[in-house]
All heavy atoms as atom14 arrays in JSON, in Angstrom:
{
  "sequence": "RFAISRDNAKNTLYLQMNRLKPEDTAVYYCNVLKGENYWGKGTLVT",
  "atom14_mask": [
    [1, 1, 1, 1, 1, 1, 1, 1, 1, 1, 1, 0, 0, 0],
    [1, 1, 1, 1, 1, 1, 1, 1, 1, 1, 1, 0, 0, 0],
    [1, 1, 1, 1, 1, 0, 0, 0, 0, 0, 0, 0, 0, 0],
    [1, 1, 1, 1, 1, 1, 1, 1, 0, 0, 0, 0, 0, 0],
    [1, 1, 1, 1, 1, 1, 0, 0, 0, 0, 0, 0, 0, 0],
    [1, 1, 1, 1, 1, 1, 1, 1, 1, 1, 1, 0, 0, 0],
    [1, 1, 1, 1, 1, 1, 1, 1, 0, 0, 0, 0, 0, 0],
    [1, 1, 1, 1, 1, 1, 1, 1, 0, 0, 0, 0, 0, 0],
    [1, 1, 1, 1, 1, 0, 0, 0, 0, 0, 0, 0, 0, 0],
    [1, 1, 1, 1, 1, 1, 1, 1, 1, 0, 0, 0, 0, 0],
    [1, 1, 1, 1, 1, 1, 1, 1, 0, 0, 0, 0, 0, 0],
    [1, 1, 1, 1, 1, 1, 1, 0, 0, 0, 0, 0, 0, 0],
    [1, 1, 1, 1, 1, 1, 1, 1, 0, 0, 0, 0, 0, 0],
    [1, 1, 1, 1, 1, 1, 1, 1, 1, 1, 1, 1, 0, 0],
    [1, 1, 1, 1, 1, 1, 1, 1, 0, 0, 0, 0, 0, 0],
    [1, 1, 1, 1, 1, 1, 1, 1, 1, 0, 0, 0, 0, 0],
    [1, 1, 1, 1, 1, 1, 1, 1, 0, 0, 0, 0, 0, 0],
    [1, 1, 1, 1, 1, 1, 1, 1, 0, 0, 0, 0, 0, 0],
    [1, 1, 1, 1, 1, 1, 1, 1, 1, 1, 1, 0, 0, 0],
    [1, 1, 1, 1, 1, 1, 1, 1, 0, 0, 0, 0, 0, 0],
    [1, 1, 1, 1, 1, 1, 1, 1, 1, 0, 0, 0, 0, 0],
    [1, 1, 1, 1, 1, 1, 1, 0, 0, 0, 0, 0, 0, 0],
    [1, 1, 1, 1, 1, 1, 1, 1, 1, 0, 0, 0, 0, 0],
    [1, 1, 1, 1, 1, 1, 1, 1, 0, 0, 0, 0, 0, 0],
    [1, 1, 1, 1, 1, 1, 1, 0, 0, 0, 0, 0, 0, 0],
    [1, 1, 1, 1, 1, 0, 0, 0, 0, 0, 0, 0, 0, 0],
    [1, 1, 1, 1, 1, 1, 1, 0, 0, 0, 0, 0, 0, 0],
    [1, 1, 1, 1, 1, 1, 1, 1, 1, 1, 1, 1, 0, 0],
    [1, 1, 1, 1, 1, 1, 1, 1, 1, 1, 1, 1, 0, 0],
    [1, 1, 1, 1, 1, 1, 0, 0, 0, 0, 0, 0, 0, 0],
    [1, 1, 1, 1, 1, 1, 1, 1, 0, 0, 0, 0, 0, 0],
    [1, 1, 1, 1, 1, 1, 1, 0, 0, 0, 0, 0, 0, 0],
    [1, 1, 1, 1, 1, 1, 1, 1, 0, 0, 0, 0, 0, 0],
    [1, 1, 1, 1, 1, 1, 1, 1, 1, 0, 0, 0, 0, 0],
    [1, 1, 1, 1, 0, 0, 0, 0, 0, 0, 0, 0, 0, 0],
    [1, 1, 1, 1, 1, 1, 1, 1, 1, 0, 0, 0, 0, 0],
    [1, 1, 1, 1, 1, 1, 1, 1, 0, 0, 0, 0, 0, 0],
    [1, 1, 1, 1, 1, 1, 1, 1, 1, 1, 1, 1, 0, 0],
    [1, 1, 1, 1, 1, 1, 1, 1, 1, 1, 1, 1, 1, 1],
    [1, 1, 1, 1, 0, 0, 0, 0, 0, 0, 0, 0, 0, 0],
    [1, 1, 1, 1, 1, 1, 1, 1, 1, 0, 0, 0, 0, 0],
    [1, 1, 1, 1, 0, 0, 0, 0, 0, 0, 0, 0, 0, 0],
    [1, 1, 1, 1, 1, 1, 1, 0, 0, 0, 0, 0, 0, 0],
    [1, 1, 1, 1, 1, 1, 1, 1, 0, 0, 0, 0, 0, 0],
    [1, 1, 1, 1, 1, 1, 1, 0, 0, 0, 0, 0, 0, 0],
    [1, 1, 1, 1, 1, 1, 1, 0, 0, 0, 0, 0, 0, 0]
  ],
  "atom14_positions": [
    [[113.01, 117.45, 92.22], [111.77, 117.27, 91.48], [110.81, 116.3, 92.16], [109.59, 116.46, 92.05], [112.06, 116.76, 90.06], [112.91, 117.71, 89.24], [113.0, 117.25, 87.79], [113.66, 115.95, 87.68], [113.07, 114.85, 87.18], [111.82, 114.91, 86.75], [113.75, 113.71, 87.09], [0.0, 0.0, 0.0], [0.0, 0.0, 0.0], [0.0, 0.0, 0.0]],
    [[111.35, 115.29, 92.83], [110.52, 114.28, 93.49], [110.56, 114.47, 94.99], [111.55, 114.97, 95.55], [111.04, 112.87, 93.18], [110.82, 112.41, 91.75], [110.44, 113.29, 90.75], [111.02, 111.08, 91.43], [110.25, 112.86, 89.45], [110.84, 110.64, 90.13], [110.46, 111.52, 89.14], [0.0, 0.0, 0.0], [0.0, 0.0, 0.0], [0.0, 0.0, 0.0]],
    [[109.5, 114.04, 95.67], [109.43, 114.1, 97.12], [108.8, 112.82, 97.67], [107.66, 112.49, 97.32], [108.64, 115.31, 97.57], [0.0, 0.0, 0.0], [0.0, 0.0, 0.0], [0.0, 0.0, 0.0], [0.0, 0.0, 0.0], [0.0, 0.0, 0.0], [0.0, 0.0, 0.0], [0.0, 0.0, 0.0], [0.0, 0.0, 0.0], [0.0, 0.0, 0.0]],
    [[109.54, 112.11, 98.5], [109.03, 110.9, 99.13], [108.45, 111.26, 100.49], [108.97, 112.13, 101.19], [110.15, 109.84, 99.26], [109.57, 108.5, 99.72], [111.26, 110.31, 100.18], [110.58, 107.35, 99.67], [0.0, 0.0, 0.0], [0.0, 0.0, 0.0], [0.0, 0.0, 0.0], [0.0, 0.0, 0.0], [0.0, 0.0, 0.0], [0.0, 0.0, 0.0]],
    [[107.36, 110.6, 100.86], [106.74, 110.83, 102.16], [106.02, 109.56, 102.6], [105.88, 108.61, 101.82], [105.77, 112.02, 102.11], [104.71, 111.77, 101.2], [0.0, 0.0, 0.0], [0.0, 0.0, 0.0], [0.0, 0.0, 0.0], [0.0, 0.0, 0.0], [0.0, 0.0, 0.0], [0.0, 0.0, 0.0], [0.0, 0.0, 0.0], [0.0, 0.0, 0.0]],
    [[105.59, 109.54, 103.84], [104.86, 108.38, 104.35], [103.83, 108.81, 105.36], [103.98, 109.82, 106.05], [105.83, 107.36, 104.97], [106.53, 107.84, 106.23], [107.67, 106.9, 106.61], [107.19, 105.57, 106.95], [107.95, 104.48, 106.96], [109.24, 104.56, 106.64], [107.43, 103.31, 107.3], [0.0, 0.0, 0.0], [0.0, 0.0, 0.0], [0.0, 0.0, 0.0]],
    [[102.77, 108.03, 105.47], [101.74, 108.23, 106.47], [101.65, 106.92, 107.24], [101.01, 105.97, 106.79], [100.41, 108.59, 105.83], [99.35, 108.96, 106.86], [99.46, 108.54, 108.02], [98.41, 109.7, 106.49], [0.0, 0.0, 0.0], [0.0, 0.0, 0.0], [0.0, 0.0, 0.0], [0.0, 0.0, 0.0], [0.0, 0.0, 0.0], [0.0, 0.0, 0.0]],
    [[102.31, 106.86, 108.39], [102.35, 105.62, 109.15], [100.98, 105.19, 109.67], [100.72, 104.01, 109.85], [103.34, 105.75, 110.32], [104.79, 105.72, 109.85], [105.09, 105.31, 108.74], [105.69, 106.17, 110.71], [0.0, 0.0, 0.0], [0.0, 0.0, 0.0], [0.0, 0.0, 0.0], [0.0, 0.0, 0.0], [0.0, 0.0, 0.0], [0.0, 0.0, 0.0]],
    [[100.1, 106.16, 109.91], [98.76, 105.83, 110.36], [97.96, 105.11, 109.29], [97.03, 104.35, 109.59], [98.03, 107.09, 110.82], [0.0, 0.0, 0.0], [0.0, 0.0, 0.0], [0.0, 0.0, 0.0], [0.0, 0.0, 0.0], [0.0, 0.0, 0.0], [0.0, 0.0, 0.0], [0.0, 0.0, 0.0], [0.0, 0.0, 0.0], [0.0, 0.0, 0.0]],
    [[98.3, 105.36, 108.02], [97.6, 104.74, 106.9], [98.39, 103.61, 106.25], [97.93, 103.03, 105.27], [97.27, 105.79, 105.83], [96.3, 106.85, 106.28], [96.0, 107.82, 105.15], [94.98, 108.85, 105.57], [94.68, 109.81, 104.47], [0.0, 0.0, 0.0], [0.0, 0.0, 0.0], [0.0, 0.0, 0.0], [0.0, 0.0, 0.0], [0.0, 0.0, 0.0]],
    [[99.58, 103.31, 106.78], [100.46, 102.29, 106.2], [100.69, 102.55, 104.71], [100.64, 101.62, 103.89], [99.88, 100.89, 106.4], [99.95, 100.41, 107.83], [100.53, 101.07, 108.69], [99.37, 99.26, 108.1], [0.0, 0.0, 0.0], [0.0, 0.0, 0.0], [0.0, 0.0, 0.0], [0.0, 0.0, 0.0], [0.0, 0.0, 0.0], [0.0, 0.0, 0.0]],
    [[100.95, 103.79, 104.37], [101.07, 104.17, 102.97], [102.32, 105.0, 102.72], [102.64, 105.91, 103.48], [99.83, 104.96, 102.51], [98.66, 104.16, 102.72], [99.93, 105.29, 101.03], [0.0, 0.0, 0.0], [0.0, 0.0, 0.0], [0.0, 0.0, 0.0], [0.0, 0.0, 0.0], [0.0, 0.0, 0.0], [0.0, 0.0, 0.0], [0.0, 0.0, 0.0]],
    [[103.0, 104.68, 101.64], [104.18, 105.39, 101.15], [103.77, 106.18, 99.91], [102.97, 105.7, 99.11], [105.28, 104.39, 100.79], [106.56, 104.93, 100.17], [107.37, 105.7, 101.21], [107.38, 103.79, 99.58], [0.0, 0.0, 0.0], [0.0, 0.0, 0.0], [0.0, 0.0, 0.0], [0.0, 0.0, 0.0], [0.0, 0.0, 0.0], [0.0, 0.0, 0.0]],
    [[104.35, 107.38, 99.74], [104.02, 108.23, 98.6], [105.28, 108.68, 97.86], [106.37, 108.74, 98.43], [103.28, 109.49, 99.06], [102.01, 109.22, 99.82], [101.99, 109.26, 101.21], [100.82, 108.94, 99.16], [100.83, 109.02, 101.92], [99.65, 108.7, 99.86], [99.66, 108.74, 101.24], [98.51, 108.51, 101.94], [0.0, 0.0, 0.0], [0.0, 0.0, 0.0]],
    [[105.09, 109.02, 96.6], [106.13, 109.66, 95.81], [105.48, 110.74, 94.96], [104.78, 110.43, 93.99], [106.87, 108.66, 94.93], [108.05, 109.23, 94.14], [109.18, 109.63, 95.09], [108.56, 108.23, 93.1], [0.0, 0.0, 0.0], [0.0, 0.0, 0.0], [0.0, 0.0, 0.0], [0.0, 0.0, 0.0], [0.0, 0.0, 0.0], [0.0, 0.0, 0.0]],
    [[105.71, 111.99, 95.32], [105.23, 113.12, 94.53], [106.28, 113.41, 93.46], [107.44, 113.66, 93.78], [105.02, 114.35, 95.41], [104.6, 115.6, 94.66], [103.23, 115.48, 94.05], [102.27, 115.12, 94.73], [103.12, 115.77, 92.76], [0.0, 0.0, 0.0], [0.0, 0.0, 0.0], [0.0, 0.0, 0.0], [0.0, 0.0, 0.0], [0.0, 0.0, 0.0]],
    [[105.87, 113.4, 92.21], [106.78, 113.6, 91.08], [106.36, 114.85, 90.32], [105.25, 114.93, 89.8], [106.77, 112.39, 90.15], [107.07, 111.07, 90.86], [107.19, 109.68, 89.71], [105.49, 109.65, 89.11], [0.0, 0.0, 0.0], [0.0, 0.0, 0.0], [0.0, 0.0, 0.0], [0.0, 0.0, 0.0], [0.0, 0.0, 0.0], [0.0, 0.0, 0.0]],
    [[107.26, 115.83, 90.26], [107.0, 117.1, 89.59], [107.99, 117.31, 88.45], [109.06, 116.71, 88.43], [107.1, 118.25, 90.57], [106.15, 118.14, 91.74], [104.98, 117.8, 91.55], [106.63, 118.42, 92.94], [0.0, 0.0, 0.0], [0.0, 0.0, 0.0], [0.0, 0.0, 0.0], [0.0, 0.0, 0.0], [0.0, 0.0, 0.0], [0.0, 0.0, 0.0]],
    [[107.61, 118.2, 87.53], [108.46, 118.53, 86.39], [109.01, 117.27, 85.72], [110.2, 117.13, 85.48], [109.6, 119.45, 86.82], [109.12, 120.85, 87.2], [110.28, 121.72, 87.67], [110.68, 121.38, 89.03], [111.93, 121.37, 89.46], [112.92, 121.65, 88.63], [112.18, 121.07, 90.73], [0.0, 0.0, 0.0], [0.0, 0.0, 0.0], [0.0, 0.0, 0.0]],
    [[108.1, 116.38, 85.41], [108.47, 115.09, 84.85], [109.11, 115.22, 83.48], [108.74, 116.09, 82.69], [107.25, 114.18, 84.79], [106.84, 113.6, 86.13], [105.39, 113.13, 86.08], [107.76, 112.45, 86.52], [0.0, 0.0, 0.0], [0.0, 0.0, 0.0], [0.0, 0.0, 0.0], [0.0, 0.0, 0.0], [0.0, 0.0, 0.0], [0.0, 0.0, 0.0]],
    [[110.06, 114.35, 83.22], [110.79, 114.3, 81.97], [110.56, 112.97, 81.28], [110.24, 111.98, 81.94], [112.3, 114.47, 82.23], [112.68, 115.71, 83.0], [114.17, 115.71, 83.3], [114.59, 116.93, 84.1], [116.04, 116.91, 84.4], [0.0, 0.0, 0.0], [0.0, 0.0, 0.0], [0.0, 0.0, 0.0], [0.0, 0.0, 0.0], [0.0, 0.0, 0.0]],
    [[110.74, 112.91, 79.96], [110.61, 111.62, 79.27], [111.51, 110.54, 79.87], [111.13, 109.37, 79.88], [111.02, 111.95, 77.83], [110.62, 113.39, 77.67], [110.92, 114.01, 79.0], [0.0, 0.0, 0.0], [0.0, 0.0, 0.0], [0.0, 0.0, 0.0], [0.0, 0.0, 0.0], [0.0, 0.0, 0.0], [0.0, 0.0, 0.0], [0.0, 0.0, 0.0]],
    [[112.67, 110.93, 80.38], [113.6, 109.98, 80.99], [113.05, 109.36, 82.28], [113.62, 108.38, 82.77], [114.94, 110.67, 81.31], [115.56, 111.37, 80.11], [115.19, 112.84, 80.05], [114.1, 113.15, 79.52], [115.99, 113.67, 80.53], [0.0, 0.0, 0.0], [0.0, 0.0, 0.0], [0.0, 0.0, 0.0], [0.0, 0.0, 0.0], [0.0, 0.0, 0.0]],
    [[111.99, 109.93, 82.84], [111.36, 109.37, 84.03], [110.42, 108.22, 83.72], [109.91, 107.57, 84.63], [110.58, 110.45, 84.79], [111.48, 111.55, 85.33], [112.57, 111.24, 85.84], [111.07, 112.73, 85.25], [0.0, 0.0, 0.0], [0.0, 0.0, 0.0], [0.0, 0.0, 0.0], [0.0, 0.0, 0.0], [0.0, 0.0, 0.0], [0.0, 0.0, 0.0]],
    [[110.17, 107.98, 82.44], [109.29, 106.89, 82.04], [109.84, 105.56, 82.55], [110.98, 105.19, 82.24], [109.14, 106.84, 80.52], [108.48, 108.02, 80.07], [108.33, 105.63, 80.09], [0.0, 0.0, 0.0], [0.0, 0.0, 0.0], [0.0, 0.0, 0.0], [0.0, 0.0, 0.0], [0.0, 0.0, 0.0], [0.0, 0.0, 0.0], [0.0, 0.0, 0.0]],
    [[109.04, 104.85, 83.33], [109.49, 103.6, 83.93], [108.34, 102.98, 84.72], [107.32, 103.62, 84.97], [110.68, 103.85, 84.87], [0.0, 0.0, 0.0], [0.0, 0.0, 0.0], [0.0, 0.0, 0.0], [0.0, 0.0, 0.0], [0.0, 0.0, 0.0], [0.0, 0.0, 0.0], [0.0, 0.0, 0.0], [0.0, 0.0, 0.0], [0.0, 0.0, 0.0]],
    [[108.54, 101.73, 85.1], [107.68, 101.11, 86.1], [108.26, 101.42, 87.46], [109.44, 101.17, 87.7], [107.57, 99.59, 85.9], [106.73, 98.96, 87.0], [106.96, 99.28, 84.53], [0.0, 0.0, 0.0], [0.0, 0.0, 0.0], [0.0, 0.0, 0.0], [0.0, 0.0, 0.0], [0.0, 0.0, 0.0], [0.0, 0.0, 0.0], [0.0, 0.0, 0.0]],
    [[107.46, 101.99, 88.33], [107.91, 102.39, 89.66], [107.49, 101.36, 90.69], [106.32, 100.96, 90.74], [107.35, 103.77, 90.01], [108.07, 104.88, 89.29], [107.88, 105.08, 87.93], [108.96, 105.72, 89.97], [108.56, 106.09, 87.26], [109.64, 106.72, 89.31], [109.44, 106.91, 87.95], [110.12, 107.9, 87.29], [0.0, 0.0, 0.0], [0.0, 0.0, 0.0]],
    [[108.45, 100.94, 91.52], [108.24, 99.89, 92.5], [108.45, 100.38, 93.92], [109.41, 101.1, 94.21], [109.21, 98.73, 92.27], [109.05, 98.03, 90.94], [109.8, 98.41, 89.84], [108.15, 96.98, 90.8], [109.67, 97.76, 88.63], [108.01, 96.32, 89.6], [108.78, 96.71, 88.51], [108.64, 96.06, 87.31], [0.0, 0.0, 0.0], [0.0, 0.0, 0.0]],
    [[107.6, 99.94, 94.8], [107.73, 100.15, 96.24], [108.56, 99.01, 96.82], [108.44, 97.86, 96.37], [106.33, 100.17, 96.85], [106.23, 100.43, 98.62], [0.0, 0.0, 0.0], [0.0, 0.0, 0.0], [0.0, 0.0, 0.0], [0.0, 0.0, 0.0], [0.0, 0.0, 0.0], [0.0, 0.0, 0.0], [0.0, 0.0, 0.0], [0.0, 0.0, 0.0]],
    [[109.42, 99.31, 97.8], [110.33, 98.31, 98.34], [110.5, 98.44, 99.84], [110.54, 99.55, 100.37], [111.7, 98.45, 97.66], [112.82, 97.75, 98.4], [113.57, 98.39, 99.14], [112.93, 96.45, 98.21], [0.0, 0.0, 0.0], [0.0, 0.0, 0.0], [0.0, 0.0, 0.0], [0.0, 0.0, 0.0], [0.0, 0.0, 0.0], [0.0, 0.0, 0.0]],
    [[110.62, 97.29, 100.52], [110.98, 97.27, 101.93], [111.98, 96.14, 102.15], [111.85, 95.05, 101.59], [109.74, 97.09, 102.84], [109.02, 95.78, 102.57], [110.15, 97.19, 104.31], [0.0, 0.0, 0.0], [0.0, 0.0, 0.0], [0.0, 0.0, 0.0], [0.0, 0.0, 0.0], [0.0, 0.0, 0.0], [0.0, 0.0, 0.0], [0.0, 0.0, 0.0]],
    [[113.02, 96.42, 102.95], [113.98, 95.4, 103.35], [113.57, 94.89, 104.72], [113.72, 95.59, 105.72], [115.39, 95.95, 103.37], [116.49, 95.0, 103.85], [116.53, 93.75, 102.97], [117.84, 95.7, 103.85], [0.0, 0.0, 0.0], [0.0, 0.0, 0.0], [0.0, 0.0, 0.0], [0.0, 0.0, 0.0], [0.0, 0.0, 0.0], [0.0, 0.0, 0.0]],
    [[113.05, 93.68, 104.76], [112.61, 93.05, 106.0], [113.18, 91.64, 105.99], [112.48, 90.67, 105.7], [111.09, 93.04, 106.1], [110.55, 92.47, 107.4], [109.04, 92.49, 107.4], [108.46, 91.9, 108.68], [108.76, 90.45, 108.78], [0.0, 0.0, 0.0], [0.0, 0.0, 0.0], [0.0, 0.0, 0.0], [0.0, 0.0, 0.0], [0.0, 0.0, 0.0]],
    [[114.47, 91.54, 106.29], [115.18, 90.27, 106.17], [115.61, 90.02, 104.73], [116.74, 89.57, 104.47], [0.0, 0.0, 0.0], [0.0, 0.0, 0.0], [0.0, 0.0, 0.0], [0.0, 0.0, 0.0], [0.0, 0.0, 0.0], [0.0, 0.0, 0.0], [0.0, 0.0, 0.0], [0.0, 0.0, 0.0], [0.0, 0.0, 0.0], [0.0, 0.0, 0.0]],
    [[114.73, 90.31, 103.81], [114.99, 90.24, 102.39], [114.19, 91.35, 101.72], [113.31, 91.95, 102.35], [114.6, 88.88, 101.81], [113.12, 88.55, 101.95], [112.78, 87.19, 101.41], [112.57, 87.08, 100.18], [112.74, 86.24, 102.2], [0.0, 0.0, 0.0], [0.0, 0.0, 0.0], [0.0, 0.0, 0.0], [0.0, 0.0, 0.0], [0.0, 0.0, 0.0]],
    [[114.47, 91.64, 100.48], [113.76, 92.68, 99.76], [112.39, 92.19, 99.29], [112.27, 91.11, 98.71], [114.56, 93.15, 98.56], [115.63, 94.14, 98.93], [115.34, 95.16, 99.55], [116.87, 93.85, 98.56], [0.0, 0.0, 0.0], [0.0, 0.0, 0.0], [0.0, 0.0, 0.0], [0.0, 0.0, 0.0], [0.0, 0.0, 0.0], [0.0, 0.0, 0.0]],
    [[111.37, 93.0, 99.56], [110.03, 92.75, 99.07], [109.64, 93.86, 98.11], [109.97, 95.03, 98.32], [109.02, 92.69, 100.22], [109.19, 91.48, 101.1], [110.04, 91.51, 102.2], [108.49, 90.3, 100.84], [110.2, 90.4, 103.01], [108.64, 89.19, 101.66], [109.49, 89.25, 102.73], [109.64, 88.15, 103.54], [0.0, 0.0, 0.0], [0.0, 0.0, 0.0]],
    [[108.92, 93.48, 97.06], [108.54, 94.41, 96.0], [107.06, 94.31, 95.68], [106.46, 93.24, 95.77], [109.32, 94.11, 94.71], [110.79, 94.08, 94.89], [111.56, 92.99, 95.2], [111.7, 95.18, 94.76], [112.89, 93.34, 95.28], [113.0, 94.67, 95.02], [111.54, 96.53, 94.47], [114.14, 95.48, 94.97], [112.67, 97.34, 94.42], [113.95, 96.81, 94.67]],
    [[106.49, 95.44, 95.27], [105.16, 95.41, 94.7], [105.24, 95.02, 93.24], [106.32, 94.76, 92.7], [0.0, 0.0, 0.0], [0.0, 0.0, 0.0], [0.0, 0.0, 0.0], [0.0, 0.0, 0.0], [0.0, 0.0, 0.0], [0.0, 0.0, 0.0], [0.0, 0.0, 0.0], [0.0, 0.0, 0.0], [0.0, 0.0, 0.0], [0.0, 0.0, 0.0]],
    [[104.11, 94.99, 92.57], [104.07, 94.65, 91.15], [104.43, 95.84, 90.27], [104.72, 95.67, 89.09], [102.69, 94.12, 90.77], [102.36, 92.79, 91.4], [101.0, 92.29, 90.95], [100.67, 90.95, 91.57], [99.34, 90.45, 91.15], [0.0, 0.0, 0.0], [0.0, 0.0, 0.0], [0.0, 0.0, 0.0], [0.0, 0.0, 0.0], [0.0, 0.0, 0.0]],
    [[104.42, 97.04, 90.84], [104.81, 98.23, 90.12], [103.64, 98.97, 89.5], [102.57, 98.41, 89.28], [0.0, 0.0, 0.0], [0.0, 0.0, 0.0], [0.0, 0.0, 0.0], [0.0, 0.0, 0.0], [0.0, 0.0, 0.0], [0.0, 0.0, 0.0], [0.0, 0.0, 0.0], [0.0, 0.0, 0.0], [0.0, 0.0, 0.0], [0.0, 0.0, 0.0]],
    [[103.86, 100.25, 89.21], [102.89, 101.06, 88.51], [103.62, 101.83, 87.4], [104.7, 102.38, 87.63], [102.15, 102.02, 89.47], [101.12, 102.72, 88.76], [103.1, 103.03, 90.11], [0.0, 0.0, 0.0], [0.0, 0.0, 0.0], [0.0, 0.0, 0.0], [0.0, 0.0, 0.0], [0.0, 0.0, 0.0], [0.0, 0.0, 0.0], [0.0, 0.0, 0.0]],
    [[103.06, 101.84, 86.22], [103.72, 102.41, 85.05], [103.5, 103.91, 84.95], [102.36, 104.38, 84.99], [103.22, 101.72, 83.78], [103.77, 102.27, 82.45], [105.27, 102.08, 82.37], [103.08, 101.57, 81.28], [0.0, 0.0, 0.0], [0.0, 0.0, 0.0], [0.0, 0.0, 0.0], [0.0, 0.0, 0.0], [0.0, 0.0, 0.0], [0.0, 0.0, 0.0]],
    [[104.6, 104.64, 84.78], [104.57, 106.07, 84.53], [105.14, 106.32, 83.14], [106.27, 105.95, 82.86], [105.39, 106.85, 85.58], [105.48, 108.33, 85.2], [104.77, 106.69, 86.96], [0.0, 0.0, 0.0], [0.0, 0.0, 0.0], [0.0, 0.0, 0.0], [0.0, 0.0, 0.0], [0.0, 0.0, 0.0], [0.0, 0.0, 0.0], [0.0, 0.0, 0.0]],
    [[104.34, 106.94, 82.29], [104.78, 107.26, 80.93], [104.76, 108.76, 80.74], [103.71, 109.39, 80.86], [103.87, 106.59, 79.89], [103.87, 105.17, 80.08], [104.38, 106.9, 78.48], [0.0, 0.0, 0.0], [0.0, 0.0, 0.0], [0.0, 0.0, 0.0], [0.0, 0.0, 0.0], [0.0, 0.0, 0.0], [0.0, 0.0, 0.0], [0.0, 0.0, 0.0]]
  ]
}
């Protein structure tokens, strides 16, 4: 249902979410492990 992708030229990560279910409701966070884990503030999907 979901597809992750990236555009290195734009320094951007993507998550295409299809056929969404109520159980997918959550705050979604971007993450990178660079010595330690770094997180964004998240974006809410309802």
